[in-house]
Amino acid sequence: MASSKYKASDRVKIVSNSLQPQFQDKTGKIKKVYASFNDNDAEEREFFYRVEVDGVVLKGIARESDLKPV
């Protein structure tokens, strides 16, 4: 089974955020991890993340490509 790259409380840098560009290049922490569902193949799951920056939980979700580890 596939596993997420990041876990809750991991610190990350936001490298892309078109919904809230003021948070791009900021450092935050993962608040929650969501897995996508694929009935055909559990290995093809994609993971999405809720991120908090300075006490503010960002709108929407981030993909792994939107984040990098700190």
C-alpha atoms as a PDB file:
ATOM      1  CA  MET A   1       0.000   0.000   0.000  1.00  0.00           C
ATOM      2  CA  ALA A   2       1.258   3.477  -0.837  1.00  0.00           C
ATOM      3  CA  SER A   3       2.165   5.826   2.005  1.00  0.00           C
ATOM      4  CA  SER A   4       2.237   9.599   2.173  1.00  0.00           C
ATOM      5  CA  LYS A   5       5.474  11.534   1.830  1.00  0.00           C
ATOM      6  CA  TYR A   6       4.546  13.781   4.771  1.00  0.00           C
ATOM      7  CA  LYS A   7       2.891  13.058   8.117  1.00  0.00           C
ATOM      8  CA  ALA A   8       0.893  15.320  10.449  1.00  0.00           C
ATOM      9  CA  SER A   9       3.166  17.863  12.194  1.00  0.00           C
ATOM     10  CA  ASP A  10       5.916  17.635   9.532  1.00  0.00           C
ATOM     11  CA  ARG A  11       7.391  21.028   8.675  1.00  0.00           C
ATOM     12  CA  VAL A  12       7.227  21.968   4.998  1.00  0.00           C
ATOM     13  CA  LYS A  13       7.934  24.879   2.693  1.00  0.00           C
ATOM     14  CA  ILE A  14       5.100  25.890   0.365  1.00  0.00           C
ATOM     15  CA  VAL A  15       6.550  26.120  -3.133  1.00  0.00           C
ATOM     16  CA  SER A  16       3.249  26.633  -4.965  1.00  0.00           C
ATOM     17  CA  ASN A  17      -0.111  28.064  -3.853  1.00  0.00           C
ATOM     18  CA  SER A  18      -2.278  29.652  -6.548  1.00  0.00           C
ATOM     19  CA  LEU A  19      -5.279  30.013  -4.196  1.00  0.00           C
ATOM     20  CA  GLN A  20      -3.365  32.007  -1.562  1.00  0.00           C
ATOM     21  CA  PRO A  21      -0.152  33.283  -3.183  1.00  0.00           C
ATOM     22  CA  GLN A  22       0.786  35.299  -0.086  1.00  0.00           C
ATOM     23  CA  PHE A  23       1.748  31.984   1.573  1.00  0.00           C
ATOM     24  CA  GLN A  24       4.079  30.836  -1.201  1.00  0.00           C
ATOM     25  CA  ASP A  25       7.672  30.372   0.022  1.00  0.00           C
ATOM     26  CA  LYS A  26       6.486  30.320   3.658  1.00  0.00           C
ATOM     27  CA  THR A  27       7.162  27.498   6.099  1.00  0.00           C
ATOM     28  CA  GLY A  28       4.293  25.703   7.796  1.00  0.00           C
ATOM     29  CA  LYS A  29       3.306  22.356   9.219  1.00  0.00           C
ATOM     30  CA  ILE A  30       1.063  19.581   7.998  1.00  0.00           C
ATOM     31  CA  LYS A  31      -2.234  19.573   9.904  1.00  0.00           C
ATOM     32  CA  LYS A  32      -3.961  16.643   8.195  1.00  0.00           C
ATOM     33  CA  VAL A  33      -3.249  14.084   5.475  1.00  0.00           C
ATOM     34  CA  TYR A  34      -5.956  12.846   3.083  1.00  0.00           C
ATOM     35  CA  ALA A  35      -5.586   9.857   0.774  1.00  0.00           C
ATOM     36  CA  SER A  36      -7.374   9.660  -2.560  1.00  0.00           C
ATOM     37  CA  PHE A  37      -9.339   6.523  -3.304  1.00  0.00           C
ATOM     38  CA  ASN A  38      -8.822   4.228  -6.251  1.00  0.00           C
ATOM     39  CA  ASP A  39     -10.912   1.076  -6.213  1.00  0.00           C
ATOM     40  CA  ASN A  40      -8.723  -0.552  -8.855  1.00  0.00           C
ATOM     41  CA  ASP A  41      -5.268  -0.087  -7.339  1.00  0.00           C
ATOM     42  CA  ALA A  42      -4.390   1.004  -3.795  1.00  0.00           C
ATOM     43  CA  GLU A  43      -0.794   1.650  -4.934  1.00  0.00           C
ATOM     44  CA  GLU A  44      -1.955   4.533  -7.140  1.00  0.00           C
ATOM     45  CA  ARG A  45      -3.246   6.629  -4.272  1.00  0.00           C
ATOM     46  CA  GLU A  46      -2.404  10.297  -4.219  1.00  0.00           C
ATOM     47  CA  PHE A  47      -2.096  12.202  -0.961  1.00  0.00           C
ATOM     48  CA  PHE A  48      -3.329  15.694  -0.179  1.00  0.00           C
ATOM     49  CA  TYR A  49      -2.408  17.895   2.755  1.00  0.00           C
ATOM     50  CA  ARG A  50      -3.898  20.647   4.907  1.00  0.00           C
ATOM     51  CA  VAL A  51      -1.155  23.068   5.899  1.00  0.00           C
ATOM     52  CA  GLU A  52      -0.971  25.614   8.716  1.00  0.00           C
ATOM     53  CA  VAL A  53       1.239  28.729   8.546  1.00  0.00           C
ATOM     54  CA  ASP A  54       1.614  30.985  11.599  1.00  0.00           C
ATOM     55  CA  GLY A  55      -1.600  29.650  13.149  1.00  0.00           C
ATOM     56  CA  VAL A  56      -3.651  29.976   9.933  1.00  0.00           C
ATOM     57  CA  VAL A  57      -4.884  26.822   8.219  1.00  0.00           C
ATOM     58  CA  LEU A  58      -4.671  27.478   4.498  1.00  0.00           C
ATOM     59  CA  LYS A  59      -7.738  27.203   2.279  1.00  0.00           C
ATOM     60  CA  GLY A  60      -7.928  24.145   0.090  1.00  0.00           C
ATOM     61  CA  ILE A  61      -5.458  21.305  -0.016  1.00  0.00           C
ATOM     62  CA  ALA A  62      -1.867  20.926  -1.154  1.00  0.00           C
ATOM     63  CA  ARG A  63      -0.373  18.171  -3.290  1.00  0.00           C
ATOM     64  CA  GLU A  64       3.099  16.773  -2.696  1.00  0.00           C
ATOM     65  CA  SER A  65       4.330  18.839  -5.655  1.00  0.00           C
ATOM     66  CA  ASP A  66       3.218  22.034  -3.825  1.00  0.00           C
ATOM     67  CA  LEU A  67       5.463  21.279  -0.831  1.00  0.00           C
ATOM     68  CA  LYS A  68       9.036  20.438   0.022  1.00  0.00           C
ATOM     69  CA  PRO A  69      10.523  19.265   3.321  1.00  0.00           C
ATOM     70  CA  VAL A  70      12.251  21.691   5.658  1.00  0.00           C
END
